[in-house]
Amino acid sequence: MAEGHFGQLVPVGGGDTIPLVNEIMTLGRRESCDICLKFQNVSGTHCELSLRNGVWHLRDTNSTNGVKVNGERTRQRPLRPGDEIEIAKHKYLIQYEIGVGVKVDEVFAEPEDNVLGPSLLEKAGLEKPKQPDQPGRKGQK
């Protein structure tokens, strides 16, 4: 990577690459974002990329249309080189080199955020956990 660059985002399907020049970068439609994505379906401040201990991490900043990594919706997670990031239907590949001495197995063993996991009410003990659908219980939820 060039001096002062920590990697790049490569638009899937073509377009100019976007250099990752700071260790924390905001992405969104606003001009004040580090990476300005001028698309109607991109939130003002859509998400944040942060380089921590030699690994890029993605965090959704409460965007309207969400973010996906390799096709799975997420709120936050570490990124491997070559992962596909989808920001409100706009896809990019992240290219970078993992920092020297990074224990890759430990970084990527962190539990990833499960958007479809327990609701906040369940976590607070105010709602019973939902039971998975069982065969033979048609019409019941």
N, C-alpha and C. Protein backbone atom coordinates (compact mmCIF):
# COMPACT_ATOMS: atom_id res chain seq x y z
N MET A 1 0.84 -1.19 0.00
CA MET A 1 0.00 0.00 0.00
C MET A 1 0.88 1.25 0.00
N ALA A 2 0.38 2.29 -0.59
CA ALA A 2 1.12 3.55 -0.66
C ALA A 2 1.25 4.16 0.73
N GLU A 3 2.26 4.98 0.90
CA GLU A 3 2.49 5.69 2.16
C GLU A 3 1.24 6.49 2.54
N GLY A 4 0.80 6.35 3.79
CA GLY A 4 -0.37 7.08 4.25
C GLY A 4 -1.69 6.42 3.90
N HIS A 5 -1.64 5.29 3.19
CA HIS A 5 -2.86 4.56 2.85
C HIS A 5 -2.93 3.29 3.67
N PHE A 6 -4.09 3.01 4.21
CA PHE A 6 -4.28 1.83 5.04
C PHE A 6 -5.09 0.77 4.30
N GLY A 7 -5.28 0.94 3.02
CA GLY A 7 -6.07 0.02 2.22
C GLY A 7 -6.96 0.81 1.28
N GLN A 8 -7.94 0.11 0.70
CA GLN A 8 -8.84 0.78 -0.22
C GLN A 8 -10.15 0.04 -0.35
N LEU A 9 -11.17 0.77 -0.77
CA LEU A 9 -12.46 0.19 -1.13
C LEU A 9 -12.53 0.19 -2.64
N VAL A 10 -12.87 -0.96 -3.21
CA VAL A 10 -12.96 -1.10 -4.66
C VAL A 10 -14.42 -1.33 -5.02
N PRO A 11 -15.04 -0.42 -5.78
CA PRO A 11 -16.44 -0.61 -6.15
C PRO A 11 -16.62 -1.88 -6.99
N VAL A 12 -17.59 -2.71 -6.61
CA VAL A 12 -17.90 -3.91 -7.38
C VAL A 12 -18.61 -3.45 -8.65
N GLY A 13 -18.14 -3.91 -9.79
CA GLY A 13 -18.74 -3.52 -11.07
C GLY A 13 -18.02 -2.36 -11.73
N GLY A 14 -17.00 -1.84 -11.07
CA GLY A 14 -16.21 -0.78 -11.68
C GLY A 14 -16.37 0.56 -11.00
N GLY A 15 -15.42 1.41 -11.26
CA GLY A 15 -15.41 2.74 -10.67
C GLY A 15 -14.08 3.01 -10.01
N ASP A 16 -13.92 4.23 -9.54
CA ASP A 16 -12.67 4.64 -8.91
C ASP A 16 -12.54 4.01 -7.52
N THR A 17 -11.33 3.53 -7.21
CA THR A 17 -11.09 3.00 -5.87
C THR A 17 -11.07 4.17 -4.88
N ILE A 18 -11.41 3.85 -3.64
CA ILE A 18 -11.46 4.84 -2.58
C ILE A 18 -10.37 4.51 -1.58
N PRO A 19 -9.34 5.36 -1.48
CA PRO A 19 -8.25 5.07 -0.54
C PRO A 19 -8.71 5.26 0.91
N LEU A 20 -8.25 4.38 1.76
CA LEU A 20 -8.51 4.48 3.21
C LEU A 20 -7.29 5.15 3.81
N VAL A 21 -7.41 6.45 4.08
CA VAL A 21 -6.24 7.26 4.45
C VAL A 21 -6.16 7.59 5.93
N ASN A 22 -7.23 7.35 6.67
CA ASN A 22 -7.24 7.59 8.12
C ASN A 22 -7.62 6.31 8.84
N GLU A 23 -7.29 6.23 10.11
CA GLU A 23 -7.60 5.03 10.88
C GLU A 23 -9.07 4.95 11.28
N ILE A 24 -9.77 6.08 11.24
CA ILE A 24 -11.22 6.10 11.45
C ILE A 24 -11.81 6.93 10.32
N MET A 25 -12.78 6.33 9.61
CA MET A 25 -13.38 7.03 8.47
C MET A 25 -14.90 6.84 8.49
N THR A 26 -15.62 7.95 8.34
CA THR A 26 -17.07 7.88 8.25
C THR A 26 -17.47 7.83 6.78
N LEU A 27 -18.54 7.09 6.50
CA LEU A 27 -19.08 6.98 5.15
C LEU A 27 -20.53 7.40 5.18
N GLY A 28 -20.93 8.21 4.23
CA GLY A 28 -22.32 8.64 4.17
C GLY A 28 -22.54 9.67 3.09
N ARG A 29 -23.76 10.17 3.02
CA ARG A 29 -24.16 11.12 1.99
C ARG A 29 -23.70 12.55 2.30
N ARG A 30 -23.47 12.86 3.56
CA ARG A 30 -23.07 14.22 3.94
C ARG A 30 -21.67 14.57 3.44
N GLU A 31 -21.50 15.81 3.07
CA GLU A 31 -20.19 16.29 2.62
C GLU A 31 -19.15 16.20 3.74
N SER A 32 -19.61 16.24 5.00
CA SER A 32 -18.68 16.20 6.13
C SER A 32 -18.11 14.80 6.38
N CYS A 33 -18.65 13.76 5.73
CA CYS A 33 -18.12 12.40 5.89
C CYS A 33 -16.76 12.30 5.21
N ASP A 34 -15.93 11.42 5.73
CA ASP A 34 -14.62 11.19 5.11
C ASP A 34 -14.76 10.63 3.70
N ILE A 35 -15.75 9.75 3.53
CA ILE A 35 -16.05 9.19 2.22
C ILE A 35 -17.50 9.55 1.91
N CYS A 36 -17.70 10.46 0.98
CA CYS A 36 -19.03 10.93 0.63
C CYS A 36 -19.59 10.08 -0.51
N LEU A 37 -20.71 9.41 -0.23
CA LEU A 37 -21.38 8.56 -1.21
C LEU A 37 -22.69 9.25 -1.58
N LYS A 38 -22.73 9.87 -2.73
CA LYS A 38 -23.87 10.68 -3.13
C LYS A 38 -24.96 9.82 -3.78
N PHE A 39 -25.62 9.02 -2.95
CA PHE A 39 -26.73 8.19 -3.40
C PHE A 39 -27.91 8.45 -2.47
N GLN A 40 -29.12 8.52 -3.02
CA GLN A 40 -30.32 8.81 -2.23
C GLN A 40 -30.53 7.82 -1.09
N ASN A 41 -30.21 6.53 -1.32
CA ASN A 41 -30.50 5.51 -0.30
C ASN A 41 -29.40 5.37 0.74
N VAL A 42 -28.38 6.21 0.68
CA VAL A 42 -27.31 6.21 1.68
C VAL A 42 -27.66 7.26 2.73
N SER A 43 -27.57 6.89 4.00
CA SER A 43 -27.88 7.83 5.09
C SER A 43 -26.82 8.92 5.18
N GLY A 44 -27.18 10.02 5.86
CA GLY A 44 -26.25 11.14 6.02
C GLY A 44 -24.90 10.68 6.54
N THR A 45 -24.90 9.97 7.65
CA THR A 45 -23.72 9.27 8.16
C THR A 45 -24.14 7.82 8.27
N HIS A 46 -23.73 7.01 7.34
CA HIS A 46 -24.24 5.64 7.20
C HIS A 46 -23.50 4.63 8.07
N CYS A 47 -22.15 4.69 8.02
CA CYS A 47 -21.36 3.73 8.78
C CYS A 47 -19.96 4.29 9.01
N GLU A 48 -19.20 3.53 9.79
CA GLU A 48 -17.84 3.94 10.12
C GLU A 48 -16.91 2.76 9.92
N LEU A 49 -15.75 3.04 9.36
CA LEU A 49 -14.67 2.07 9.27
C LEU A 49 -13.59 2.51 10.24
N SER A 50 -13.09 1.57 11.06
CA SER A 50 -12.00 1.91 11.98
C SER A 50 -10.95 0.82 11.94
N LEU A 51 -9.71 1.24 11.90
CA LEU A 51 -8.57 0.33 11.88
C LEU A 51 -8.11 0.15 13.31
N ARG A 52 -8.32 -1.05 13.85
CA ARG A 52 -7.94 -1.34 15.24
C ARG A 52 -7.01 -2.54 15.26
N ASN A 53 -5.85 -2.35 15.82
CA ASN A 53 -4.86 -3.43 15.95
C ASN A 53 -4.61 -4.14 14.63
N GLY A 54 -4.53 -3.37 13.55
CA GLY A 54 -4.18 -3.92 12.25
C GLY A 54 -5.32 -4.55 11.48
N VAL A 55 -6.56 -4.42 11.96
CA VAL A 55 -7.72 -5.02 11.29
C VAL A 55 -8.80 -3.94 11.15
N TRP A 56 -9.39 -3.84 9.96
CA TRP A 56 -10.49 -2.91 9.75
C TRP A 56 -11.77 -3.48 10.35
N HIS A 57 -12.55 -2.61 10.99
CA HIS A 57 -13.85 -2.97 11.57
C HIS A 57 -14.91 -2.05 10.96
N LEU A 58 -16.08 -2.60 10.71
CA LEU A 58 -17.21 -1.85 10.18
C LEU A 58 -18.26 -1.71 11.26
N ARG A 59 -18.84 -0.51 11.38
CA ARG A 59 -19.93 -0.29 12.34
C ARG A 59 -21.01 0.55 11.67
N ASP A 60 -22.23 0.03 11.67
CA ASP A 60 -23.39 0.77 11.16
C ASP A 60 -23.72 1.86 12.17
N THR A 61 -23.93 3.08 11.72
CA THR A 61 -24.24 4.20 12.62
C THR A 61 -25.73 4.52 12.56
N ASN A 62 -26.54 3.47 12.78
CA ASN A 62 -28.00 3.59 12.77
C ASN A 62 -28.54 4.10 11.43
N SER A 63 -28.00 3.56 10.36
CA SER A 63 -28.45 3.95 9.03
C SER A 63 -29.86 3.42 8.76
N THR A 64 -30.52 4.03 7.81
CA THR A 64 -31.87 3.61 7.44
C THR A 64 -31.85 2.29 6.67
N ASN A 65 -30.93 2.15 5.72
CA ASN A 65 -30.92 0.98 4.85
C ASN A 65 -29.87 -0.07 5.20
N GLY A 66 -29.13 0.12 6.26
CA GLY A 66 -28.24 -0.90 6.79
C GLY A 66 -26.98 -1.16 5.98
N VAL A 67 -26.17 -2.06 6.55
CA VAL A 67 -24.94 -2.51 5.90
C VAL A 67 -24.91 -4.04 5.94
N LYS A 68 -24.25 -4.61 4.94
CA LYS A 68 -24.05 -6.05 4.88
C LYS A 68 -22.58 -6.33 4.63
N VAL A 69 -22.13 -7.46 5.15
CA VAL A 69 -20.79 -7.94 4.86
C VAL A 69 -20.95 -9.34 4.30
N ASN A 70 -20.48 -9.54 3.09
CA ASN A 70 -20.60 -10.83 2.40
C ASN A 70 -22.06 -11.30 2.38
N GLY A 71 -22.98 -10.36 2.17
CA GLY A 71 -24.39 -10.69 2.03
C GLY A 71 -25.18 -10.80 3.32
N GLU A 72 -24.53 -10.68 4.48
CA GLU A 72 -25.21 -10.79 5.77
C GLU A 72 -25.31 -9.42 6.42
N ARG A 73 -26.53 -9.05 6.79
CA ARG A 73 -26.72 -7.76 7.47
C ARG A 73 -26.04 -7.80 8.84
N THR A 74 -25.42 -6.69 9.20
CA THR A 74 -24.69 -6.63 10.46
C THR A 74 -24.72 -5.21 11.00
N ARG A 75 -24.47 -5.09 12.30
CA ARG A 75 -24.31 -3.76 12.89
C ARG A 75 -22.84 -3.43 13.06
N GLN A 76 -22.04 -4.46 13.35
CA GLN A 76 -20.60 -4.24 13.46
C GLN A 76 -19.88 -5.57 13.36
N ARG A 77 -18.67 -5.51 12.81
CA ARG A 77 -17.84 -6.72 12.73
C ARG A 77 -16.48 -6.40 12.14
N PRO A 78 -15.50 -7.25 12.45
CA PRO A 78 -14.18 -7.09 11.82
C PRO A 78 -14.26 -7.52 10.36
N LEU A 79 -13.40 -6.97 9.54
CA LEU A 79 -13.40 -7.25 8.11
C LEU A 79 -12.10 -7.94 7.69
N ARG A 80 -12.25 -8.99 6.92
CA ARG A 80 -11.09 -9.66 6.33
C ARG A 80 -10.77 -8.99 5.00
N PRO A 81 -9.51 -8.99 4.59
CA PRO A 81 -9.20 -8.48 3.26
C PRO A 81 -10.01 -9.26 2.21
N GLY A 82 -10.65 -8.53 1.30
CA GLY A 82 -11.45 -9.15 0.25
C GLY A 82 -12.93 -9.27 0.60
N ASP A 83 -13.33 -8.94 1.84
CA ASP A 83 -14.75 -8.97 2.20
C ASP A 83 -15.52 -7.98 1.33
N GLU A 84 -16.77 -8.34 1.03
CA GLU A 84 -17.64 -7.45 0.28
C GLU A 84 -18.53 -6.69 1.25
N ILE A 85 -18.46 -5.37 1.19
CA ILE A 85 -19.27 -4.50 2.04
C ILE A 85 -20.38 -3.93 1.18
N GLU A 86 -21.61 -4.05 1.66
CA GLU A 86 -22.75 -3.49 0.93
C GLU A 86 -23.34 -2.36 1.77
N ILE A 87 -23.31 -1.18 1.22
CA ILE A 87 -23.84 0.01 1.89
C ILE A 87 -25.06 0.45 1.11
N ALA A 88 -26.25 0.13 1.64
CA ALA A 88 -27.51 0.49 0.98
C ALA A 88 -27.49 0.10 -0.50
N LYS A 89 -27.19 -1.14 -0.79
CA LYS A 89 -27.18 -1.73 -2.14
C LYS A 89 -25.95 -1.37 -2.98
N HIS A 90 -25.03 -0.58 -2.46
CA HIS A 90 -23.80 -0.23 -3.18
C HIS A 90 -22.68 -1.10 -2.61
N LYS A 91 -22.02 -1.88 -3.49
CA LYS A 91 -21.07 -2.89 -3.04
C LYS A 91 -19.62 -2.47 -3.30
N TYR A 92 -18.78 -2.79 -2.30
CA TYR A 92 -17.36 -2.50 -2.36
C TYR A 92 -16.58 -3.68 -1.78
N LEU A 93 -15.41 -3.94 -2.33
CA LEU A 93 -14.48 -4.90 -1.74
C LEU A 93 -13.46 -4.11 -0.95
N ILE A 94 -13.16 -4.58 0.26
CA ILE A 94 -12.11 -3.93 1.04
C ILE A 94 -10.80 -4.67 0.81
N GLN A 95 -9.78 -3.92 0.47
CA GLN A 95 -8.46 -4.49 0.23
C GLN A 95 -7.47 -3.82 1.17
N TYR A 96 -6.79 -4.65 1.94
CA TYR A 96 -5.76 -4.16 2.85
C TYR A 96 -4.93 -5.34 3.32
N GLU A 97 -3.83 -5.04 3.97
CA GLU A 97 -2.99 -6.07 4.55
C GLU A 97 -3.16 -6.05 6.05
N ILE A 98 -3.46 -7.21 6.62
CA ILE A 98 -3.61 -7.32 8.08
C ILE A 98 -2.26 -7.00 8.72
N GLY A 99 -2.30 -6.26 9.82
CA GLY A 99 -1.08 -5.84 10.50
C GLY A 99 -0.21 -7.02 10.94
N VAL A 100 1.08 -6.77 10.97
CA VAL A 100 2.05 -7.77 11.39
C VAL A 100 1.81 -8.12 12.86
N GLY A 101 1.82 -9.40 13.17
CA GLY A 101 1.67 -9.86 14.55
C GLY A 101 0.23 -9.98 15.02
N VAL A 102 -0.73 -9.67 14.15
CA VAL A 102 -2.14 -9.78 14.53
C VAL A 102 -2.52 -11.25 14.64
N LYS A 103 -3.16 -11.60 15.75
CA LYS A 103 -3.63 -12.97 15.94
C LYS A 103 -5.00 -13.09 15.29
N VAL A 104 -4.97 -13.44 14.01
CA VAL A 104 -6.17 -13.45 13.17
C VAL A 104 -7.27 -14.31 13.77
N ASP A 105 -6.92 -15.49 14.27
CA ASP A 105 -7.93 -16.39 14.84
C ASP A 105 -8.67 -15.73 15.99
N GLU A 106 -7.96 -14.97 16.81
CA GLU A 106 -8.60 -14.30 17.95
C GLU A 106 -9.51 -13.16 17.51
N VAL A 107 -9.03 -12.37 16.55
CA VAL A 107 -9.82 -11.22 16.09
C VAL A 107 -11.14 -11.69 15.48
N PHE A 108 -11.07 -12.71 14.65
CA PHE A 108 -12.27 -13.15 13.94
C PHE A 108 -13.07 -14.18 14.73
N ALA A 109 -12.60 -14.54 15.92
CA ALA A 109 -13.36 -15.43 16.79
C ALA A 109 -14.32 -14.63 17.67
N GLU A 110 -14.16 -13.28 17.68
CA GLU A 110 -15.07 -12.44 18.44
C GLU A 110 -16.49 -12.70 17.95
N PRO A 111 -17.46 -12.75 18.86
CA PRO A 111 -18.83 -12.96 18.39
C PRO A 111 -19.27 -11.80 17.51
N GLU A 112 -19.78 -12.14 16.33
CA GLU A 112 -20.26 -11.12 15.42
C GLU A 112 -21.66 -10.73 15.84
N ASP A 113 -21.99 -9.51 15.56
CA ASP A 113 -23.30 -8.98 15.91
C ASP A 113 -24.36 -9.68 15.08
N ASN A 114 -25.38 -10.23 15.74
CA ASN A 114 -26.47 -10.90 15.05
C ASN A 114 -27.68 -9.98 15.07
N VAL A 115 -27.98 -9.39 13.92
CA VAL A 115 -29.09 -8.45 13.81
C VAL A 115 -30.41 -9.13 14.15
N LEU A 116 -30.54 -10.38 13.83
CA LEU A 116 -31.80 -11.10 14.05
C LEU A 116 -31.80 -11.85 15.38
N GLY A 117 -30.90 -11.51 16.27
CA GLY A 117 -30.82 -12.15 17.58
C GLY A 117 -31.94 -11.68 18.49
N PRO A 118 -31.80 -11.91 19.79
CA PRO A 118 -32.86 -11.53 20.74
C PRO A 118 -33.15 -10.03 20.68
N SER A 119 -34.43 -9.69 20.87
CA SER A 119 -34.81 -8.29 20.87
C SER A 119 -34.32 -7.63 22.17
N LEU A 120 -34.33 -6.31 22.19
CA LEU A 120 -33.94 -5.58 23.39
C LEU A 120 -34.87 -5.91 24.56
N LEU A 121 -36.16 -6.10 24.27
CA LEU A 121 -37.11 -6.46 25.32
C LEU A 121 -36.76 -7.82 25.93
N GLU A 122 -36.36 -8.77 25.08
CA GLU A 122 -35.95 -10.09 25.58
C GLU A 122 -34.70 -9.96 26.45
N LYS A 123 -33.72 -9.18 25.99
CA LYS A 123 -32.48 -9.01 26.74
C LYS A 123 -32.74 -8.38 28.10
N ALA A 124 -33.74 -7.50 28.16
CA ALA A 124 -34.07 -6.82 29.42
C ALA A 124 -34.97 -7.67 30.31
N GLY A 125 -35.41 -8.83 29.83
CA GLY A 125 -36.27 -9.71 30.61
C GLY A 125 -37.72 -9.27 30.63
N LEU A 126 -38.10 -8.39 29.71
CA LEU A 126 -39.47 -7.88 29.66
C LEU A 126 -40.35 -8.64 28.67
N GLU A 127 -39.75 -9.57 27.93
CA GLU A 127 -40.48 -10.35 26.95
C GLU A 127 -39.90 -11.76 26.95
N LYS A 128 -40.79 -12.76 26.79
CA LYS A 128 -40.31 -14.14 26.73
C LYS A 128 -39.61 -14.39 25.41
N PRO A 129 -38.54 -15.21 25.43
CA PRO A 129 -37.86 -15.53 24.17
C PRO A 129 -38.82 -16.22 23.21
N LYS A 130 -38.69 -15.87 21.94
CA LYS A 130 -39.53 -16.50 20.92
C LYS A 130 -39.06 -17.92 20.69
N GLN A 131 -40.02 -18.83 20.56
CA GLN A 131 -39.71 -20.23 20.28
C GLN A 131 -39.61 -20.41 18.77
N PRO A 132 -38.64 -21.22 18.31
CA PRO A 132 -38.54 -21.46 16.87
C PRO A 132 -39.78 -22.20 16.38
N ASP A 133 -40.15 -21.95 15.12
CA ASP A 133 -41.28 -22.66 14.53
C ASP A 133 -41.02 -24.15 14.57
N GLN A 134 -42.05 -24.90 14.91
CA GLN A 134 -41.92 -26.35 14.99
C GLN A 134 -42.81 -26.98 13.95
N PRO A 135 -42.38 -28.11 13.34
CA PRO A 135 -43.21 -28.78 12.35
C PRO A 135 -44.54 -29.22 12.98
N GLY A 136 -45.58 -29.16 12.21
CA GLY A 136 -46.89 -29.62 12.68
C GLY A 136 -47.67 -28.56 13.42
N ARG A 137 -47.18 -27.35 13.50
CA ARG A 137 -47.88 -26.27 14.18
C ARG A 137 -48.31 -25.20 13.19
N LYS A 138 -48.95 -25.62 12.13
CA LYS A 138 -49.34 -24.68 11.08
C LYS A 138 -50.34 -23.66 11.61
N GLY A 139 -50.16 -22.44 11.15
CA GLY A 139 -51.09 -21.38 11.50
C GLY A 139 -50.85 -20.79 12.87
N GLN A 140 -49.94 -21.34 13.65
CA GLN A 140 -49.66 -20.81 14.99
C GLN A 140 -48.30 -20.13 14.99
N LYS A 141 -48.23 -19.02 15.69
CA LYS A 141 -46.94 -18.32 15.81
C LYS A 141 -46.63 -18.05 17.23
